Every structure is written in C-alpha cells, then in structure tokens.
Amino acid sequence: MAEAKRKPRIEIVDLSETVEAVFNGTTVARSDRAKVLMEGSYPPRYYVPAGDVRMELLRPTTTSTHCPWKGQASYYSVEVGGKLAEDAVWTYRSPIPEMAAIAGLLCFYPEKMDRVALV
C-alpha cells in the first residue's frame, strides 16, 4: 500500500529587505513589499505584488499547473530587448484559502532570470 503524501510545511513571511528580479539586464521587478515562501526542502521563493512589477514586460501564456498545497497557477513569459524567458513567472490568482497571503502576487524562477535576489 502506497504511503499517503504528507503536506509539506509552508511558511509565508513578509520581507523587510528589497527583492529584485532582472532579465536581459533590465529590472523587471523591485519590491520592498515582497513575501518569501518556504516550502519543505525547496529553495525560498519571493512573491512580489503586481504593482512592483513592470507588467508591460510580461506576456501571459497558456501554461497552467496545479499544486495541491497552493492551488492553480498561471504563468507569464518575460520579454526584454527581443529576448524571451518562457514561463518565467507564476501567480496564484485564487489560491486555496490557507495560502491567501500569496493571492495575485508574482514569483520569478531564478533559473530563468539573470537574477532574483535580495538587494
């Protein structure tokens, strides 16, 4: 009999530092209102309010994924200076109730960006 999957411990904390996401040498997001989400053994992820993101550089995609612990995610690609990072940003527009703190915030894949870091 298969062992049931245990829910990972997820912690969401308001950051006191500024987080910045850069692609193709351009700052795409800079926020002092971000949250950090820590989930099990995954690396910490920074979630940024849309008001702190240069949304004109994002292109919505048809990609969608489902996380049983957070809900349905939709994705954006980032385009700067003719260079494209596909599905580099995700958001949970309507996460499950326990994850309401990240609703509508955007998260950048560090491996698809030049840099996603505290500054």
PDB file of N, CA and C in Angstrom:
ATOM      1  N   MET A   1       0.840  -1.172   0.000  1.00  0.00           N
ATOM      2  CA  MET A   1       0.000   0.000   0.000  1.00  0.00           C
ATOM      3  C   MET A   1       0.892   1.243   0.000  1.00  0.00           C
ATOM      4  N   ALA A   2       0.578   2.183  -0.884  1.00  0.00           N
ATOM      5  CA  ALA A   2       1.386   3.401  -1.012  1.00  0.00           C
ATOM      6  C   ALA A   2       1.182   4.307   0.201  1.00  0.00           C
ATOM      7  N   GLU A   3       2.273   4.904   0.628  1.00  0.00           N
ATOM      8  CA  GLU A   3       2.200   5.835   1.750  1.00  0.00           C
ATOM      9  C   GLU A   3       1.569   7.143   1.274  1.00  0.00           C
ATOM     10  N   ALA A   4       0.654   7.671   2.045  1.00  0.00           N
ATOM     11  CA  ALA A   4      -0.001   8.932   1.687  1.00  0.00           C
ATOM     12  C   ALA A   4       1.011  10.064   1.703  1.00  0.00           C
ATOM     13  N   LYS A   5       0.869  10.974   0.733  1.00  0.00           N
ATOM     14  CA  LYS A   5       1.746  12.139   0.680  1.00  0.00           C
ATOM     15  C   LYS A   5       1.420  13.076   1.824  1.00  0.00           C
ATOM     16  N   ARG A   6       2.444  13.460   2.550  1.00  0.00           N
ATOM     17  CA  ARG A   6       2.239  14.407   3.642  1.00  0.00           C
ATOM     18  C   ARG A   6       2.381  15.824   3.116  1.00  0.00           C
ATOM     19  N   LYS A   7       1.541  16.686   3.625  1.00  0.00           N
ATOM     20  CA  LYS A   7       1.602  18.091   3.247  1.00  0.00           C
ATOM     21  C   LYS A   7       2.906  18.682   3.766  1.00  0.00           C
ATOM     22  N   PRO A   8       3.682  19.344   2.869  1.00  0.00           N
ATOM     23  CA  PRO A   8       4.918  19.972   3.348  1.00  0.00           C
ATOM     24  C   PRO A   8       4.589  21.186   4.219  1.00  0.00           C
ATOM     25  N   ARG A   9       5.483  21.490   5.115  1.00  0.00           N
ATOM     26  CA  ARG A   9       5.308  22.689   5.928  1.00  0.00           C
ATOM     27  C   ARG A   9       5.576  23.895   5.039  1.00  0.00           C
ATOM     28  N   ILE A  10       4.609  24.795   4.957  1.00  0.00           N
ATOM     29  CA  ILE A  10       4.752  26.008   4.158  1.00  0.00           C
ATOM     30  C   ILE A  10       4.661  27.204   5.089  1.00  0.00           C
ATOM     31  N   GLU A  11       5.658  28.085   4.968  1.00  0.00           N
ATOM     32  CA  GLU A  11       5.685  29.290   5.774  1.00  0.00           C
ATOM     33  C   GLU A  11       5.784  30.493   4.837  1.00  0.00           C
ATOM     34  N   ILE A  12       4.962  31.507   5.079  1.00  0.00           N
ATOM     35  CA  ILE A  12       4.980  32.739   4.289  1.00  0.00           C
ATOM     36  C   ILE A  12       5.312  33.883   5.237  1.00  0.00           C
ATOM     37  N   VAL A  13       6.371  34.625   4.885  1.00  0.00           N
ATOM     38  CA  VAL A  13       6.858  35.687   5.758  1.00  0.00           C
ATOM     39  C   VAL A  13       7.004  36.977   4.954  1.00  0.00           C
ATOM     40  N   ASP A  14       6.579  38.104   5.552  1.00  0.00           N
ATOM     41  CA  ASP A  14       6.823  39.411   4.941  1.00  0.00           C
ATOM     42  C   ASP A  14       8.312  39.694   4.999  1.00  0.00           C
ATOM     43  N   LEU A  15       8.867  40.170   3.876  1.00  0.00           N
ATOM     44  CA  LEU A  15      10.289  40.509   3.839  1.00  0.00           C
ATOM     45  C   LEU A  15      10.507  41.931   4.334  1.00  0.00           C
ATOM     46  N   SER A  16      11.601  42.150   5.031  1.00  0.00           N
ATOM     47  CA  SER A  16      11.962  43.512   5.413  1.00  0.00           C
ATOM     48  C   SER A  16      12.980  44.079   4.425  1.00  0.00           C
ATOM     49  N   GLU A  17      13.558  43.210   3.592  1.00  0.00           N
ATOM     50  CA  GLU A  17      14.520  43.628   2.581  1.00  0.00           C
ATOM     51  C   GLU A  17      13.809  43.888   1.248  1.00  0.00           C
ATOM     52  N   THR A  18      14.572  44.410   0.293  1.00  0.00           N
ATOM     53  CA  THR A  18      14.076  44.630  -1.064  1.00  0.00           C
ATOM     54  C   THR A  18      14.494  43.454  -1.926  1.00  0.00           C
ATOM     55  N   VAL A  19      13.560  42.966  -2.743  1.00  0.00           N
ATOM     56  CA  VAL A  19      13.869  41.891  -3.685  1.00  0.00           C
ATOM     57  C   VAL A  19      13.816  42.478  -5.093  1.00  0.00           C
ATOM     58  N   GLU A  20      14.697  41.978  -5.950  1.00  0.00           N
ATOM     59  CA  GLU A  20      14.772  42.478  -7.317  1.00  0.00           C
ATOM     60  C   GLU A  20      14.881  41.304  -8.280  1.00  0.00           C
ATOM     61  N   ALA A  21      14.161  41.407  -9.406  1.00  0.00           N
ATOM     62  CA  ALA A  21      14.245  40.414 -10.478  1.00  0.00           C
ATOM     63  C   ALA A  21      14.729  41.132 -11.735  1.00  0.00           C
ATOM     64  N   VAL A  22      15.801  40.601 -12.347  1.00  0.00           N
ATOM     65  CA  VAL A  22      16.424  41.220 -13.508  1.00  0.00           C
ATOM     66  C   VAL A  22      16.464  40.209 -14.646  1.00  0.00           C
ATOM     67  N   PHE A  23      16.127  40.691 -15.866  1.00  0.00           N
ATOM     68  CA  PHE A  23      16.220  39.842 -17.052  1.00  0.00           C
ATOM     69  C   PHE A  23      16.798  40.665 -18.194  1.00  0.00           C
ATOM     70  N   ASN A  24      17.757  40.086 -18.889  1.00  0.00           N
ATOM     71  CA  ASN A  24      18.423  40.733 -20.013  1.00  0.00           C
ATOM     72  C   ASN A  24      18.908  42.139 -19.633  1.00  0.00           C
ATOM     73  N   GLY A  25      19.421  42.250 -18.408  1.00  0.00           N
ATOM     74  CA  GLY A  25      19.984  43.499 -17.929  1.00  0.00           C
ATOM     75  C   GLY A  25      18.980  44.542 -17.477  1.00  0.00           C
ATOM     76  N   THR A  26      17.694  44.206 -17.498  1.00  0.00           N
ATOM     77  CA  THR A  26      16.632  45.150 -17.126  1.00  0.00           C
ATOM     78  C   THR A  26      15.930  44.701 -15.854  1.00  0.00           C
ATOM     79  N   THR A  27      15.708  45.641 -14.952  1.00  0.00           N
ATOM     80  CA  THR A  27      14.961  45.330 -13.735  1.00  0.00           C
ATOM     81  C   THR A  27      13.494  45.163 -14.101  1.00  0.00           C
ATOM     82  N   VAL A  28      12.977  43.964 -13.884  1.00  0.00           N
ATOM     83  CA  VAL A  28      11.588  43.634 -14.189  1.00  0.00           C
ATOM     84  C   VAL A  28      10.715  43.835 -12.957  1.00  0.00           C
ATOM     85  N   ALA A  29      11.281  43.611 -11.781  1.00  0.00           N
ATOM     86  CA  ALA A  29      10.547  43.797 -10.525  1.00  0.00           C
ATOM     87  C   ALA A  29      11.513  44.272  -9.451  1.00  0.00           C
ATOM     88  N   ARG A  30      11.004  45.155  -8.616  1.00  0.00           N
ATOM     89  CA  ARG A  30      11.766  45.613  -7.446  1.00  0.00           C
ATOM     90  C   ARG A  30      10.732  45.941  -6.390  1.00  0.00           C
ATOM     91  N   SER A  31      10.849  45.286  -5.237  1.00  0.00           N
ATOM     92  CA  SER A  31       9.810  45.438  -4.226  1.00  0.00           C
ATOM     93  C   SER A  31      10.363  45.405  -2.814  1.00  0.00           C
ATOM     94  N   ASP A  32       9.827  46.291  -1.988  1.00  0.00           N
ATOM     95  CA  ASP A  32      10.099  46.220  -0.554  1.00  0.00           C
ATOM     96  C   ASP A  32       8.839  45.752   0.177  1.00  0.00           C
ATOM     97  N   ARG A  33       7.893  45.166  -0.613  1.00  0.00           N
ATOM     98  CA  ARG A  33       6.641  44.632  -0.056  1.00  0.00           C
ATOM     99  C   ARG A  33       6.474  43.139  -0.362  1.00  0.00           C
ATOM    100  N   ALA A  34       7.565  42.488  -0.730  1.00  0.00           N
ATOM    101  CA  ALA A  34       7.506  41.080  -1.124  1.00  0.00           C
ATOM    102  C   ALA A  34       7.336  40.168   0.085  1.00  0.00           C
ATOM    103  N   LYS A  35       6.954  38.941  -0.216  1.00  0.00           N
ATOM    104  CA  LYS A  35       6.864  37.886   0.788  1.00  0.00           C
ATOM    105  C   LYS A  35       7.796  36.758   0.350  1.00  0.00           C
ATOM    106  N   VAL A  36       8.305  36.018   1.301  1.00  0.00           N
ATOM    107  CA  VAL A  36       9.095  34.841   0.981  1.00  0.00           C
ATOM    108  C   VAL A  36       8.294  33.625   1.416  1.00  0.00           C
ATOM    109  N   LEU A  37       8.228  32.639   0.522  1.00  0.00           N
ATOM    110  CA  LEU A  37       7.517  31.399   0.799  1.00  0.00           C
ATOM    111  C   LEU A  37       8.558  30.298   0.934  1.00  0.00           C
ATOM    112  N   MET A  38       8.516  29.608   2.060  1.00  0.00           N
ATOM    113  CA  MET A  38       9.425  28.490   2.309  1.00  0.00           C
ATOM    114  C   MET A  38       8.579  27.230   2.392  1.00  0.00           C
ATOM    115  N   GLU A  39       8.929  26.277   1.529  1.00  0.00           N
ATOM    116  CA  GLU A  39       8.135  25.047   1.410  1.00  0.00           C
ATOM    117  C   GLU A  39       9.050  23.839   1.427  1.00  0.00           C
ATOM    118  N   GLY A  40       9.000  23.116   2.537  1.00  0.00           N
ATOM    119  CA  GLY A  40       9.786  21.892   2.650  1.00  0.00           C
ATOM    120  C   GLY A  40      11.244  22.101   2.295  1.00  0.00           C
ATOM    121  N   SER A  41      11.765  21.243   1.405  1.00  0.00           N
ATOM    122  CA  SER A  41      13.172  21.305   1.014  1.00  0.00           C
ATOM    123  C   SER A  41      13.409  22.189  -0.209  1.00  0.00           C
ATOM    124  N   TYR A  42      12.362  22.817  -0.746  1.00  0.00           N
ATOM    125  CA  TYR A  42      12.518  23.701  -1.901  1.00  0.00           C
ATOM    126  C   TYR A  42      13.240  24.984  -1.491  1.00  0.00           C
ATOM    127  N   PRO A  43      13.921  25.620  -2.456  1.00  0.00           N
ATOM    128  CA  PRO A  43      14.551  26.905  -2.114  1.00  0.00           C
ATOM    129  C   PRO A  43      13.482  27.960  -1.828  1.00  0.00           C
ATOM    130  N   PRO A  44      13.796  28.959  -1.016  1.00  0.00           N
ATOM    131  CA  PRO A  44      12.832  30.032  -0.750  1.00  0.00           C
ATOM    132  C   PRO A  44      12.440  30.716  -2.061  1.00  0.00           C
ATOM    133  N   ARG A  45      11.182  31.113  -2.164  1.00  0.00           N
ATOM    134  CA  ARG A  45      10.668  31.803  -3.352  1.00  0.00           C
ATOM    135  C   ARG A  45      10.104  33.146  -2.934  1.00  0.00           C
ATOM    136  N   TYR A  46      10.435  34.179  -3.707  1.00  0.00           N
ATOM    137  CA  TYR A  46       9.971  35.533  -3.425  1.00  0.00           C
ATOM    138  C   TYR A  46       8.715  35.834  -4.243  1.00  0.00           C
ATOM    139  N   TYR A  47       7.677  36.275  -3.562  1.00  0.00           N
ATOM    140  CA  TYR A  47       6.404  36.641  -4.192  1.00  0.00           C
ATOM    141  C   TYR A  47       6.242  38.153  -4.110  1.00  0.00           C
ATOM    142  N   VAL A  48       6.034  38.788  -5.261  1.00  0.00           N
ATOM    143  CA  VAL A  48       6.065  40.242  -5.392  1.00  0.00           C
ATOM    144  C   VAL A  48       4.693  40.769  -5.814  1.00  0.00           C
ATOM    145  N   PRO A  49       4.224  41.870  -5.210  1.00  0.00           N
ATOM    146  CA  PRO A  49       2.960  42.470  -5.653  1.00  0.00           C
ATOM    147  C   PRO A  49       3.062  42.950  -7.106  1.00  0.00           C
ATOM    148  N   ALA A  50       1.989  42.794  -7.869  1.00  0.00           N
ATOM    149  CA  ALA A  50       1.971  43.188  -9.284  1.00  0.00           C
ATOM    150  C   ALA A  50       2.314  44.665  -9.458  1.00  0.00           C
ATOM    151  N   GLY A  51       1.979  45.494  -8.488  1.00  0.00           N
ATOM    152  CA  GLY A  51       2.290  46.915  -8.575  1.00  0.00           C
ATOM    153  C   GLY A  51       3.774  47.217  -8.556  1.00  0.00           C
ATOM    154  N   ASP A  52       4.592  46.244  -8.177  1.00  0.00           N
ATOM    155  CA  ASP A  52       6.044  46.411  -8.130  1.00  0.00           C
ATOM    156  C   ASP A  52       6.733  45.688  -9.286  1.00  0.00           C
ATOM    157  N   VAL A  53       5.938  45.254 -10.269  1.00  0.00           N
ATOM    158  CA  VAL A  53       6.446  44.520 -11.428  1.00  0.00           C
ATOM    159  C   VAL A  53       6.166  45.330 -12.687  1.00  0.00           C
ATOM    160  N   ARG A  54       7.117  45.374 -13.585  1.00  0.00           N
ATOM    161  CA  ARG A  54       6.887  46.036 -14.880  1.00  0.00           C
ATOM    162  C   ARG A  54       6.070  45.092 -15.750  1.00  0.00           C
ATOM    163  N   MET A  55       4.752  45.144 -15.561  1.00  0.00           N
ATOM    164  CA  MET A  55       3.835  44.209 -16.211  1.00  0.00           C
ATOM    165  C   MET A  55       3.878  44.303 -17.740  1.00  0.00           C
ATOM    166  N   GLU A  56       4.309  45.449 -18.267  1.00  0.00           N
ATOM    167  CA  GLU A  56       4.403  45.596 -19.728  1.00  0.00           C
ATOM    168  C   GLU A  56       5.470  44.682 -20.317  1.00  0.00           C
ATOM    169  N   LEU A  57       6.352  44.144 -19.482  1.00  0.00           N
ATOM    170  CA  LEU A  57       7.394  43.227 -19.944  1.00  0.00           C
ATOM    171  C   LEU A  57       6.959  41.762 -19.856  1.00  0.00           C
ATOM    172  N   LEU A  58       5.776  41.511 -19.284  1.00  0.00           N
ATOM    173  CA  LEU A  58       5.281  40.144 -19.127  1.00  0.00           C
ATOM    174  C   LEU A  58       4.262  39.820 -20.208  1.00  0.00           C
ATOM    175  N   ARG A  59       4.287  38.572 -20.661  1.00  0.00           N
ATOM    176  CA  ARG A  59       3.357  38.069 -21.675  1.00  0.00           C
ATOM    177  C   ARG A  59       2.633  36.863 -21.091  1.00  0.00           C
ATOM    178  N   PRO A  60       1.286  36.940 -20.940  1.00  0.00           N
ATOM    179  CA  PRO A  60       0.584  35.767 -20.402  1.00  0.00           C
ATOM    180  C   PRO A  60       0.757  34.560 -21.328  1.00  0.00           C
ATOM    181  N   THR A  61       0.856  33.372 -20.743  1.00  0.00           N
ATOM    182  CA  THR A  61       0.960  32.142 -21.527  1.00  0.00           C
ATOM    183  C   THR A  61      -0.244  31.254 -21.220  1.00  0.00           C
ATOM    184  N   THR A  62      -0.346  30.174 -21.940  1.00  0.00           N
ATOM    185  CA  THR A  62      -1.442  29.228 -21.701  1.00  0.00           C
ATOM    186  C   THR A  62      -1.068  28.173 -20.661  1.00  0.00           C
ATOM    187  N   THR A  63       0.155  28.228 -20.159  1.00  0.00           N
ATOM    188  CA  THR A  63       0.613  27.250 -19.171  1.00  0.00           C
ATOM    189  C   THR A  63      -0.148  27.409 -17.863  1.00  0.00           C
ATOM    190  N   SER A  64      -0.513  26.284 -17.298  1.00  0.00           N
ATOM    191  CA  SER A  64      -1.204  26.245 -16.019  1.00  0.00           C
ATOM    192  C   SER A  64      -0.764  24.984 -15.290  1.00  0.00           C
ATOM    193  N   THR A  65      -0.517  25.101 -13.996  1.00  0.00           N
ATOM    194  CA  THR A  65      -0.160  23.931 -13.195  1.00  0.00           C
ATOM    195  C   THR A  65      -1.002  23.929 -11.928  1.00  0.00           C
ATOM    196  N   HIS A  66      -1.067  22.772 -11.295  1.00  0.00           N
ATOM    197  CA  HIS A  66      -1.829  22.678 -10.056  1.00  0.00           C
ATOM    198  C   HIS A  66      -0.933  22.127  -8.949  1.00  0.00           C
ATOM    199  N   CYS A  67      -0.929  22.823  -7.829  1.00  0.00           N
ATOM    200  CA  CYS A  67      -0.227  22.370  -6.636  1.00  0.00           C
ATOM    201  C   CYS A  67      -1.287  22.046  -5.591  1.00  0.00           C
ATOM    202  N   PRO A  68      -1.289  20.838  -5.039  1.00  0.00           N
ATOM    203  CA  PRO A  68      -2.316  20.501  -4.050  1.00  0.00           C
ATOM    204  C   PRO A  68      -2.230  21.341  -2.778  1.00  0.00           C
ATOM    205  N   TRP A  69      -1.070  21.988  -2.538  1.00  0.00           N
ATOM    206  CA  TRP A  69      -0.891  22.764  -1.313  1.00  0.00           C
ATOM    207  C   TRP A  69      -1.108  24.261  -1.507  1.00  0.00           C
ATOM    208  N   LYS A  70      -1.154  24.696  -2.786  1.00  0.00           N
ATOM    209  CA  LYS A  70      -1.343  26.131  -3.042  1.00  0.00           C
ATOM    210  C   LYS A  70      -2.508  26.419  -3.990  1.00  0.00           C
ATOM    211  N   GLY A  71      -2.759  25.556  -4.948  1.00  0.00           N
ATOM    212  CA  GLY A  71      -3.863  25.762  -5.881  1.00  0.00           C
ATOM    213  C   GLY A  71      -3.393  25.815  -7.327  1.00  0.00           C
ATOM    214  N   GLN A  72      -4.173  26.497  -8.169  1.00  0.00           N
ATOM    215  CA  GLN A  72      -3.926  26.580  -9.606  1.00  0.00           C
ATOM    216  C   GLN A  72      -3.047  27.789  -9.918  1.00  0.00           C
ATOM    217  N   ALA A  73      -1.943  27.550 -10.629  1.00  0.00           N
ATOM    218  CA  ALA A  73      -1.024  28.627 -11.011  1.00  0.00           C
ATOM    219  C   ALA A  73      -1.144  28.911 -12.497  1.00  0.00           C
ATOM    220  N   SER A  74      -1.040  30.184 -12.854  1.00  0.00           N
ATOM    221  CA  SER A  74      -0.939  30.573 -14.256  1.00  0.00           C
ATOM    222  C   SER A  74       0.407  31.262 -14.442  1.00  0.00           C
ATOM    223  N   TYR A  75       0.844  31.368 -15.708  1.00  0.00           N
ATOM    224  CA  TYR A  75       2.218  31.761 -15.997  1.00  0.00           C
ATOM    225  C   TYR A  75       2.316  32.932 -16.968  1.00  0.00           C
ATOM    226  N   TYR A  76       3.484  33.587 -16.893  1.00  0.00           N
ATOM    227  CA  TYR A  76       3.862  34.648 -17.816  1.00  0.00           C
ATOM    228  C   TYR A  76       5.272  34.371 -18.320  1.00  0.00           C
ATOM    229  N   SER A  77       5.530  34.795 -19.548  1.00  0.00           N
ATOM    230  CA  SER A  77       6.901  34.853 -20.048  1.00  0.00           C
ATOM    231  C   SER A  77       7.370  36.288 -19.874  1.00  0.00           C
ATOM    232  N   VAL A  78       8.676  36.477 -19.831  1.00  0.00           N
ATOM    233  CA  VAL A  78       9.272  37.803 -19.724  1.00  0.00           C
ATOM    234  C   VAL A  78       9.979  38.091 -21.041  1.00  0.00           C
ATOM    235  N   GLU A  79       9.708  39.280 -21.620  1.00  0.00           N
ATOM    236  CA  GLU A  79      10.363  39.666 -22.868  1.00  0.00           C
ATOM    237  C   GLU A  79      11.011  41.034 -22.699  1.00  0.00           C
ATOM    238  N   VAL A  80      12.329  41.067 -22.911  1.00  0.00           N
ATOM    239  CA  VAL A  80      13.095  42.305 -22.798  1.00  0.00           C
ATOM    240  C   VAL A  80      14.102  42.355 -23.943  1.00  0.00           C
ATOM    241  N   GLY A  81      14.058  43.414 -24.724  1.00  0.00           N
ATOM    242  CA  GLY A  81      15.044  43.616 -25.795  1.00  0.00           C
ATOM    243  C   GLY A  81      15.106  42.477 -26.786  1.00  0.00           C
ATOM    244  N   GLY A  82      13.958  41.878 -27.096  1.00  0.00           N
ATOM    245  CA  GLY A  82      13.915  40.788 -28.058  1.00  0.00           C
ATOM    246  C   GLY A  82      14.289  39.427 -27.489  1.00  0.00           C
ATOM    247  N   LYS A  83      14.638  39.362 -26.224  1.00  0.00           N
ATOM    248  CA  LYS A  83      14.985  38.088 -25.571  1.00  0.00           C
ATOM    249  C   LYS A  83      13.793  37.643 -24.723  1.00  0.00           C
ATOM    250  N   LEU A  84      13.467  36.350 -24.793  1.00  0.00           N
ATOM    251  CA  LEU A  84      12.281  35.809 -24.126  1.00  0.00           C
ATOM    252  C   LEU A  84      12.648  34.730 -23.112  1.00  0.00           C
ATOM    253  N   ALA A  85      12.108  34.840 -21.921  1.00  0.00           N
ATOM    254  CA  ALA A  85      12.207  33.783 -20.907  1.00  0.00           C
ATOM    255  C   ALA A  85      10.807  33.197 -20.761  1.00  0.00           C
ATOM    256  N   GLU A  86      10.612  32.014 -21.315  1.00  0.00           N
ATOM    257  CA  GLU A  86       9.274  31.405 -21.339  1.00  0.00           C
ATOM    258  C   GLU A  86       8.870  30.888 -19.961  1.00  0.00           C
ATOM    259  N   ASP A  87       7.608  31.169 -19.612  1.00  0.00           N
ATOM    260  CA  ASP A  87       7.033  30.693 -18.350  1.00  0.00           C
ATOM    261  C   ASP A  87       7.964  30.961 -17.162  1.00  0.00           C
ATOM    262  N   ALA A  88       8.513  32.168 -17.105  1.00  0.00           N
ATOM    263  CA  ALA A  88       9.479  32.530 -16.071  1.00  0.00           C
ATOM    264  C   ALA A  88       8.829  33.069 -14.804  1.00  0.00           C
ATOM    265  N   VAL A  89       7.529  33.336 -14.862  1.00  0.00           N
ATOM    266  CA  VAL A  89       6.809  33.939 -13.745  1.00  0.00           C
ATOM    267  C   VAL A  89       5.514  33.175 -13.531  1.00  0.00           C
ATOM    268  N   TRP A  90       5.174  32.946 -12.264  1.00  0.00           N
ATOM    269  CA  TRP A  90       3.875  32.331 -11.997  1.00  0.00           C
ATOM    270  C   TRP A  90       3.125  33.105 -10.937  1.00  0.00           C
ATOM    271  N   THR A  91       1.821  32.879 -10.906  1.00  0.00           N
ATOM    272  CA  THR A  91       0.965  33.521  -9.919  1.00  0.00           C
ATOM    273  C   THR A  91      -0.186  32.602  -9.560  1.00  0.00           C
ATOM    274  N   TYR A  92      -0.620  32.701  -8.332  1.00  0.00           N
ATOM    275  CA  TYR A  92      -1.824  32.011  -7.873  1.00  0.00           C
ATOM    276  C   TYR A  92      -2.889  33.096  -7.696  1.00  0.00           C
ATOM    277  N   ARG A  93      -3.737  33.255  -8.695  1.00  0.00           N
ATOM    278  CA  ARG A  93      -4.759  34.308  -8.618  1.00  0.00           C
ATOM    279  C   ARG A  93      -5.764  34.018  -7.507  1.00  0.00           C
ATOM    280  N   SER A  94      -6.134  32.755  -7.376  1.00  0.00           N
ATOM    281  CA  SER A  94      -7.092  32.336  -6.343  1.00  0.00           C
ATOM    282  C   SER A  94      -6.571  31.073  -5.661  1.00  0.00           C
ATOM    283  N   PRO A  95      -5.574  31.223  -4.811  1.00  0.00           N
ATOM    284  CA  PRO A  95      -5.022  30.024  -4.154  1.00  0.00           C
ATOM    285  C   PRO A  95      -6.022  29.433  -3.167  1.00  0.00           C
ATOM    286  N   ILE A  96      -5.696  28.251  -2.651  1.00  0.00           N
ATOM    287  CA  ILE A  96      -6.551  27.669  -1.626  1.00  0.00           C
ATOM    288  C   ILE A  96      -6.568  28.620  -0.426  1.00  0.00           C
ATOM    289  N   PRO A  97      -7.604  28.591   0.396  1.00  0.00           N
ATOM    290  CA  PRO A  97      -7.740  29.570   1.485  1.00  0.00           C
ATOM    291  C   PRO A  97      -6.526  29.686   2.405  1.00  0.00           C
ATOM    292  N   GLU A  98      -5.848  28.588   2.696  1.00  0.00           N
ATOM    293  CA  GLU A  98      -4.692  28.635   3.588  1.00  0.00           C
ATOM    294  C   GLU A  98      -3.513  29.420   2.995  1.00  0.00           C
ATOM    295  N   MET A  99      -3.525  29.641   1.700  1.00  0.00           N
ATOM    296  CA  MET A  99      -2.441  30.349   1.016  1.00  0.00           C
ATOM    297  C   MET A  99      -2.885  31.728   0.509  1.00  0.00           C
ATOM    298  N   ALA A 100      -3.935  32.265   1.084  1.00  0.00           N
ATOM    299  CA  ALA A 100      -4.481  33.554   0.640  1.00  0.00           C
ATOM    300  C   ALA A 100      -3.432  34.667   0.636  1.00  0.00           C
ATOM    301  N   ALA A 101      -2.402  34.565   1.451  1.00  0.00           N
ATOM    302  CA  ALA A 101      -1.370  35.602   1.537  1.00  0.00           C
ATOM    303  C   ALA A 101      -0.607  35.792   0.230  1.00  0.00           C
ATOM    304  N   ILE A 102      -0.624  34.789  -0.677  1.00  0.00           N
ATOM    305  CA  ILE A 102       0.101  34.934  -1.940  1.00  0.00           C
ATOM    306  C   ILE A 102      -0.830  35.212  -3.122  1.00  0.00           C
ATOM    307  N   ALA A 103      -2.107  35.393  -2.871  1.00  0.00           N
ATOM    308  CA  ALA A 103      -3.075  35.637  -3.952  1.00  0.00           C
ATOM    309  C   ALA A 103      -2.661  36.849  -4.778  1.00  0.00           C
ATOM    310  N   GLY A 104      -2.521  36.644  -6.081  1.00  0.00           N
ATOM    311  CA  GLY A 104      -2.211  37.724  -7.003  1.00  0.00           C
ATOM    312  C   GLY A 104      -0.765  38.186  -7.010  1.00  0.00           C
ATOM    313  N   LEU A 105       0.071  37.641  -6.123  1.00  0.00           N
ATOM    314  CA  LEU A 105       1.490  38.003  -6.134  1.00  0.00           C
ATOM    315  C   LEU A 105       2.195  37.216  -7.238  1.00  0.00           C
ATOM    316  N   LEU A 106       3.298  37.750  -7.728  1.00  0.00           N
ATOM    317  CA  LEU A 106       4.046  37.110  -8.808  1.00  0.00           C
ATOM    318  C   LEU A 106       5.374  36.578  -8.291  1.00  0.00           C
ATOM    319  N   CYS A 107       5.761  35.413  -8.789  1.00  0.00           N
ATOM    320  CA  CYS A 107       7.007  34.772  -8.377  1.00  0.00           C
ATOM    321  C   CYS A 107       7.841  34.465  -9.620  1.00  0.00           C
ATOM    322  N   PHE A 108       9.124  34.766  -9.559  1.00  0.00           N
ATOM    323  CA  PHE A 108      10.040  34.605 -10.689  1.00  0.00           C
ATOM    324  C   PHE A 108      10.935  33.388 -10.479  1.00  0.00           C
ATOM    325  N   TYR A 109      11.076  32.551 -11.525  1.00  0.00           N
ATOM    326  CA  TYR A 109      12.025  31.448 -11.481  1.00  0.00           C
ATOM    327  C   TYR A 109      13.439  32.020 -11.561  1.00  0.00           C
ATOM    328  N   PRO A 110      14.242  31.905 -10.520  1.00  0.00           N
ATOM    329  CA  PRO A 110      15.606  32.447 -10.580  1.00  0.00           C
ATOM    330  C   PRO A 110      16.426  31.863 -11.725  1.00  0.00           C
ATOM    331  N   GLU A 111      16.215  30.582 -12.036  1.00  0.00           N
ATOM    332  CA  GLU A 111      16.996  29.931 -13.083  1.00  0.00           C
ATOM    333  C   GLU A 111      16.645  30.416 -14.493  1.00  0.00           C
ATOM    334  N   LYS A 112      15.531  31.141 -14.652  1.00  0.00           N
ATOM    335  CA  LYS A 112      15.139  31.671 -15.956  1.00  0.00           C
ATOM    336  C   LYS A 112      15.439  33.165 -16.090  1.00  0.00           C
ATOM    337  N   MET A 113      15.795  33.785 -14.991  1.00  0.00           N
ATOM    338  CA  MET A 113      16.100  35.208 -14.968  1.00  0.00           C
ATOM    339  C   MET A 113      17.611  35.390 -14.844  1.00  0.00           C
ATOM    340  N   ASP A 114      18.105  36.618 -15.086  1.00  0.00           N
ATOM    341  CA  ASP A 114      19.515  36.894 -14.822  1.00  0.00           C
ATOM    342  C   ASP A 114      19.783  36.811 -13.332  1.00  0.00           C
ATOM    343  N   ARG A 115      18.815  37.352 -12.552  1.00  0.00           N
ATOM    344  CA  ARG A 115      18.989  37.404 -11.106  1.00  0.00           C
ATOM    345  C   ARG A 115      17.645  37.632 -10.446  1.00  0.00           C
ATOM    346  N   VAL A 116      17.414  36.914  -9.372  1.00  0.00           N
ATOM    347  CA  VAL A 116      16.300  37.162  -8.449  1.00  0.00           C
ATOM    348  C   VAL A 116      16.939  37.092  -7.072  1.00  0.00           C
ATOM    349  N   ALA A 117      17.030  38.254  -6.416  1.00  0.00           N
ATOM    350  CA  ALA A 117      17.806  38.285  -5.176  1.00  0.00           C
ATOM    351  C   ALA A 117      17.396  39.465  -4.296  1.00  0.00           C
ATOM    352  N   LEU A 118      17.817  39.366  -3.057  1.00  0.00           N
ATOM    353  CA  LEU A 118      17.672  40.490  -2.138  1.00  0.00           C
ATOM    354  C   LEU A 118      18.760  41.500  -2.479  1.00  0.00           C
ATOM    355  N   VAL A 119      18.391  42.785  -2.447  1.00  0.00           N
ATOM    356  CA  VAL A 119      19.370  43.846  -2.758  1.00  0.00           C
ATOM    357  C   VAL A 119      19.455  44.835  -1.607  1.00  0.00           C
TER     358      VAL A 119
END
